[in-house]
C-alpha atoms as a PDB file:
ATOM      1  CA  MET A   1     -10.394  -2.903 -16.921  1.00  0.00           C
ATOM      2  CA  GLN A   2      -9.009  -3.417 -13.261  1.00  0.00           C
ATOM      3  CA  ARG A   3      -9.922  -0.851 -10.834  1.00  0.00           C
ATOM      4  CA  ILE A   4      -6.689   0.318  -8.828  1.00  0.00           C
ATOM      5  CA  PRO A   5      -7.522   1.211  -5.562  1.00  0.00           C
ATOM      6  CA  MET A   6      -5.929   4.583  -4.397  1.00  0.00           C
ATOM      7  CA  THR A   7      -6.448   6.732  -1.671  1.00  0.00           C
ATOM      8  CA  VAL A   8      -7.676  10.621  -2.196  1.00  0.00           C
ATOM      9  CA  SER A   9      -3.755  11.655  -1.193  1.00  0.00           C
ATOM     10  CA  GLY A  10      -2.564   9.333  -3.585  1.00  0.00           C
ATOM     11  CA  ALA A  11      -4.450  10.495  -6.494  1.00  0.00           C
ATOM     12  CA  GLU A  12      -3.543  13.606  -5.730  1.00  0.00           C
ATOM     13  CA  ALA A  13      -0.130  13.079  -5.428  1.00  0.00           C
ATOM     14  CA  LEU A  14      -0.187  11.741  -8.992  1.00  0.00           C
ATOM     15  CA  ARG A  15      -2.019  14.932 -10.245  1.00  0.00           C
ATOM     16  CA  LYS A  16       0.678  17.104  -9.366  1.00  0.00           C
ATOM     17  CA  GLU A  17       2.977  14.813 -10.865  1.00  0.00           C
ATOM     18  CA  LEU A  18       1.247  14.690 -14.192  1.00  0.00           C
ATOM     19  CA  ASP A  19       0.741  18.443 -13.933  1.00  0.00           C
ATOM     20  CA  HIS A  20       4.765  18.956 -13.498  1.00  0.00           C
ATOM     21  CA  LEU A  21       5.592  16.450 -16.221  1.00  0.00           C
ATOM     22  CA  LYS A  22       2.959  18.148 -18.505  1.00  0.00           C
ATOM     23  CA  LYS A  23       3.788  22.058 -17.672  1.00  0.00           C
ATOM     24  CA  VAL A  24       7.424  21.623 -16.677  1.00  0.00           C
ATOM     25  CA  GLU A  25       9.569  18.956 -17.660  1.00  0.00           C
ATOM     26  CA  ARG A  26       7.816  18.411 -21.463  1.00  0.00           C
ATOM     27  CA  PRO A  27       8.239  22.262 -22.621  1.00  0.00           C
ATOM     28  CA  ARG A  28      11.953  22.189 -20.797  1.00  0.00           C
ATOM     29  CA  ILE A  29      12.621  18.880 -23.032  1.00  0.00           C
ATOM     30  CA  SER A  30      10.916  20.462 -26.132  1.00  0.00           C
ATOM     31  CA  ALA A  31      13.183  23.461 -25.836  1.00  0.00           C
ATOM     32  CA  ALA A  32      16.539  21.094 -24.879  1.00  0.00           C
ATOM     33  CA  ILE A  33      15.866  19.237 -28.622  1.00  0.00           C
ATOM     34  CA  ALA A  34      15.019  22.623 -30.424  1.00  0.00           C
ATOM     35  CA  ASP A  35      18.567  23.584 -28.901  1.00  0.00           C
ATOM     36  CA  ALA A  36      20.417  20.620 -29.608  1.00  0.00           C
ATOM     37  CA  ARG A  37      18.842  20.746 -33.458  1.00  0.00           C
ATOM     38  CA  GLU A  38      20.561  24.050 -33.793  1.00  0.00           C
ATOM     39  CA  HIS A  39      23.807  22.394 -33.133  1.00  0.00           C
ATOM     40  CA  GLY A  40      24.058  20.687 -36.383  1.00  0.00           C
ATOM     41  CA  ASP A  41      24.355  16.977 -37.361  1.00  0.00           C
ATOM     42  CA  LEU A  42      22.066  15.343 -35.377  1.00  0.00           C
ATOM     43  CA  LYS A  43      23.807  11.207 -35.785  1.00  0.00           C
ATOM     44  CA  GLU A  44      26.889  12.581 -33.824  1.00  0.00           C
ATOM     45  CA  ASN A  45      25.109  15.366 -31.283  1.00  0.00           C
ATOM     46  CA  ALA A  46      24.607  13.658 -27.797  1.00  0.00           C
ATOM     47  CA  GLU A  47      22.535  16.461 -26.439  1.00  0.00           C
ATOM     48  CA  TYR A  48      20.550  15.717 -28.868  1.00  0.00           C
ATOM     49  CA  HIS A  49      20.018  11.891 -28.123  1.00  0.00           C
ATOM     50  CA  ALA A  50      19.831  12.550 -24.281  1.00  0.00           C
ATOM     51  CA  ALA A  51      16.994  15.257 -24.666  1.00  0.00           C
ATOM     52  CA  ARG A  52      15.030  12.705 -27.004  1.00  0.00           C
ATOM     53  CA  GLU A  53      15.445   9.793 -24.116  1.00  0.00           C
ATOM     54  CA  GLN A  54      14.310  11.941 -21.810  1.00  0.00           C
ATOM     55  CA  GLN A  55      11.456  12.927 -23.920  1.00  0.00           C
ATOM     56  CA  SER A  56      10.804   8.992 -24.335  1.00  0.00           C
ATOM     57  CA  PHE A  57      10.720   8.474 -20.383  1.00  0.00           C
ATOM     58  CA  CYS A  58       8.839  11.817 -19.821  1.00  0.00           C
ATOM     59  CA  GLU A  59       5.867  10.734 -22.041  1.00  0.00           C
ATOM     60  CA  GLY A  60       6.102   7.240 -21.030  1.00  0.00           C
ATOM     61  CA  ARG A  61       5.477   8.514 -17.421  1.00  0.00           C
ATOM     62  CA  ILE A  62       2.646  10.747 -18.539  1.00  0.00           C
ATOM     63  CA  ASN A  63       0.901   7.676 -20.260  1.00  0.00           C
ATOM     64  CA  GLU A  64       1.483   5.661 -16.823  1.00  0.00           C
ATOM     65  CA  ILE A  65       0.436   8.071 -14.791  1.00  0.00           C
ATOM     66  CA  GLU A  66      -2.723   8.889 -16.881  1.00  0.00           C
ATOM     67  CA  GLY A  67      -3.790   5.276 -17.318  1.00  0.00           C
ATOM     68  CA  LYS A  68      -3.935   4.277 -13.592  1.00  0.00           C
ATOM     69  CA  LEU A  69      -5.754   7.493 -12.926  1.00  0.00           C
ATOM     70  CA  SER A  70      -8.243   6.667 -15.645  1.00  0.00           C
ATOM     71  CA  ALA A  71      -8.527   2.867 -13.883  1.00  0.00           C
ATOM     72  CA  ALA A  72      -8.388   4.368 -10.022  1.00  0.00           C
ATOM     73  CA  GLN A  73     -10.706   3.518  -7.536  1.00  0.00           C
ATOM     74  CA  ILE A  74     -10.464   6.641  -5.281  1.00  0.00           C
ATOM     75  CA  ILE A  75     -11.522   5.727  -1.371  1.00  0.00           C
ATOM     76  CA  ASP A  76     -12.038   8.588   1.028  1.00  0.00           C
ATOM     77  CA  ILE A  77     -11.412   7.034   4.273  1.00  0.00           C
ATOM     78  CA  THR A  78     -12.507   9.595   5.965  1.00  0.00           C
ATOM     79  CA  GLN A  79     -15.950   9.296   4.614  1.00  0.00           C
ATOM     80  CA  LEU A  80     -16.665   5.377   6.138  1.00  0.00           C
ATOM     81  CA  ASP A  81     -17.342   4.583   9.115  1.00  0.00           C
ATOM     82  CA  ASN A  82     -14.663   3.228  11.772  1.00  0.00           C
ATOM     83  CA  THR A  83     -16.118  -0.134  12.545  1.00  0.00           C
ATOM     84  CA  GLY A  84     -12.536  -0.988  14.409  1.00  0.00           C
ATOM     85  CA  LYS A  85     -12.217  -3.406  11.030  1.00  0.00           C
ATOM     86  CA  VAL A  86      -8.720  -3.201   9.116  1.00  0.00           C
ATOM     87  CA  ILE A  87      -9.672  -1.752   5.587  1.00  0.00           C
ATOM     88  CA  PHE A  88      -8.149  -0.495   2.645  1.00  0.00           C
ATOM     89  CA  GLY A  89      -6.618   3.062   3.846  1.00  0.00           C
ATOM     90  CA  SER A  90      -7.375   2.921   7.319  1.00  0.00           C
ATOM     91  CA  THR A  91      -4.193   3.625   9.838  1.00  0.00           C
ATOM     92  CA  VAL A  92      -3.305   0.391  12.304  1.00  0.00           C
ATOM     93  CA  THR A  93      -1.360   0.150  15.110  1.00  0.00           C
ATOM     94  CA  ILE A  94      -0.192  -3.452  15.940  1.00  0.00           C
ATOM     95  CA  ILE A  95       2.013  -4.500  18.674  1.00  0.00           C
ATOM     96  CA  ASP A  96       4.871  -7.398  18.404  1.00  0.00           C
ATOM     97  CA  VAL A  97       3.566  -9.797  20.534  1.00  0.00           C
ATOM     98  CA  ASP A  98       6.861 -11.210  21.354  1.00  0.00           C
ATOM     99  CA  THR A  99       8.938  -7.962  21.380  1.00  0.00           C
ATOM    100  CA  ASP A 100       6.217  -5.051  22.253  1.00  0.00           C
ATOM    101  CA  GLU A 101       7.354  -2.918  19.639  1.00  0.00           C
ATOM    102  CA  GLU A 102       4.543  -0.829  18.022  1.00  0.00           C
ATOM    103  CA  LYS A 103       3.977  -0.111  14.797  1.00  0.00           C
ATOM    104  CA  VAL A 104       1.890   2.255  12.674  1.00  0.00           C
ATOM    105  CA  TYR A 105       1.063   1.434   9.029  1.00  0.00           C
ATOM    106  CA  GLN A 106      -1.723   2.788   6.757  1.00  0.00           C
ATOM    107  CA  ILE A 107      -2.574   0.287   4.019  1.00  0.00           C
ATOM    108  CA  VAL A 108      -2.602   2.102   0.451  1.00  0.00           C
ATOM    109  CA  GLY A 109      -2.372   1.091  -3.035  1.00  0.00           C
ATOM    110  CA  ASP A 110       0.719  -0.208  -4.774  1.00  0.00           C
ATOM    111  CA  ASP A 111       2.026   3.096  -6.057  1.00  0.00           C
ATOM    112  CA  GLU A 112       1.607   5.296  -2.782  1.00  0.00           C
ATOM    113  CA  ALA A 113       3.680   2.577  -0.603  1.00  0.00           C
ATOM    114  CA  ASP A 114       6.561   3.830   0.980  1.00  0.00           C
ATOM    115  CA  ILE A 115       8.006   2.109   4.322  1.00  0.00           C
ATOM    116  CA  LYS A 116       9.805   5.010   5.241  1.00  0.00           C
ATOM    117  CA  GLN A 117       6.661   7.164   5.834  1.00  0.00           C
ATOM    118  CA  GLY A 118       4.412   3.871   7.206  1.00  0.00           C
ATOM    119  CA  LYS A 119       2.697   3.328   3.994  1.00  0.00           C
ATOM    120  CA  ILE A 120       2.099  -0.286   3.099  1.00  0.00           C
ATOM    121  CA  SER A 121       1.022  -1.965  -0.174  1.00  0.00           C
ATOM    122  CA  VAL A 122      -2.684  -3.607   0.272  1.00  0.00           C
ATOM    123  CA  ASN A 123      -0.743  -6.220  -1.464  1.00  0.00           C
ATOM    124  CA  SER A 124       2.112  -6.687   1.098  1.00  0.00           C
ATOM    125  CA  PRO A 125       2.352  -9.709   3.506  1.00  0.00           C
ATOM    126  CA  ILE A 126       1.404  -7.335   6.327  1.00  0.00           C
ATOM    127  CA  ALA A 127      -1.820  -5.792   5.092  1.00  0.00           C
ATOM    128  CA  ARG A 128      -2.841  -9.103   3.520  1.00  0.00           C
ATOM    129  CA  GLY A 129      -2.992 -10.477   6.765  1.00  0.00           C
ATOM    130  CA  LEU A 130      -4.327  -7.158   8.519  1.00  0.00           C
ATOM    131  CA  ILE A 131      -7.126  -6.886   6.354  1.00  0.00           C
ATOM    132  CA  GLY A 132     -10.731  -7.939   7.944  1.00  0.00           C
ATOM    133  CA  ARG A 133      -9.020  -8.054  11.102  1.00  0.00           C
ATOM    134  CA  GLU A 134     -10.846  -6.079  14.252  1.00  0.00           C
ATOM    135  CA  GLU A 135      -9.070  -3.972  17.043  1.00  0.00           C
ATOM    136  CA  GLY A 136      -8.189  -6.812  19.808  1.00  0.00           C
ATOM    137  CA  ASP A 137      -7.200  -9.213  17.000  1.00  0.00           C
ATOM    138  CA  VAL A 138      -3.887 -11.470  17.376  1.00  0.00           C
ATOM    139  CA  VAL A 139      -2.974 -12.205  13.792  1.00  0.00           C
ATOM    140  CA  GLN A 140       0.313 -14.452  12.471  1.00  0.00           C
ATOM    141  CA  ILE A 141       1.506 -12.858   9.434  1.00  0.00           C
ATOM    142  CA  ASP A 142       3.969 -14.720   7.317  1.00  0.00           C
ATOM    143  CA  THR A 143       7.025 -11.963   6.500  1.00  0.00           C
ATOM    144  CA  PRO A 144      10.291 -12.424   5.014  1.00  0.00           C
ATOM    145  CA  GLY A 145      11.731 -12.733   8.291  1.00  0.00           C
ATOM    146  CA  GLY A 146       9.359 -15.941   9.358  1.00  0.00           C
ATOM    147  CA  THR A 147       6.090 -15.888  11.051  1.00  0.00           C
ATOM    148  CA  ARG A 148       5.361 -12.845  13.849  1.00  0.00           C
ATOM    149  CA  GLU A 149       2.271 -12.772  16.234  1.00  0.00           C
ATOM    150  CA  TYR A 150       0.908  -9.034  16.418  1.00  0.00           C
ATOM    151  CA  GLU A 151      -2.088  -7.477  17.857  1.00  0.00           C
ATOM    152  CA  VAL A 152      -4.206  -4.847  16.293  1.00  0.00           C
ATOM    153  CA  ASP A 153      -4.316  -2.128  18.903  1.00  0.00           C
ATOM    154  CA  LYS A 154      -5.948   0.484  17.257  1.00  0.00           C
ATOM    155  CA  VAL A 155      -7.584   0.987  13.535  1.00  0.00           C
ATOM    156  CA  GLU A 156      -8.046   4.604  12.222  1.00  0.00           C
ATOM    157  CA  HIS A 157      -9.403   6.173   9.468  1.00  0.00           C
ATOM    158  CA  LEU A 158      -7.347   9.217   9.239  1.00  0.00           C
END
């Protein structure tokens, strides 16, 4: 079984979603199915079929989350010494060498990635280019928009 790297906050978010699905959504969907059954003929009962479809999605998501959590390798970046080297979970400030534009990214697992929050997947081109680099390094990264040069300005373990 392949281990899935995950930050502490990412694992916590999955646990919260799992808890919500099991304690809120599952009972709500069961009640909707029971209510739809009372309406009679199930073959032509749209509410029943919609509730069963919701149940299928809910159960599938529950299984998916449980699988990911069981295979998770939770990495608490705050417990590791900051050597100035970019590793999984670290927050990196990079500066575009051409435009002097500063960007801040946290390198996280695939499920946690959200570019709007500054979280990029460890498997993204930028993260792959940054992993193993140190503060002060200039790195060329092949992005979908072409090759860019970035300077690693700061590496933090937040």
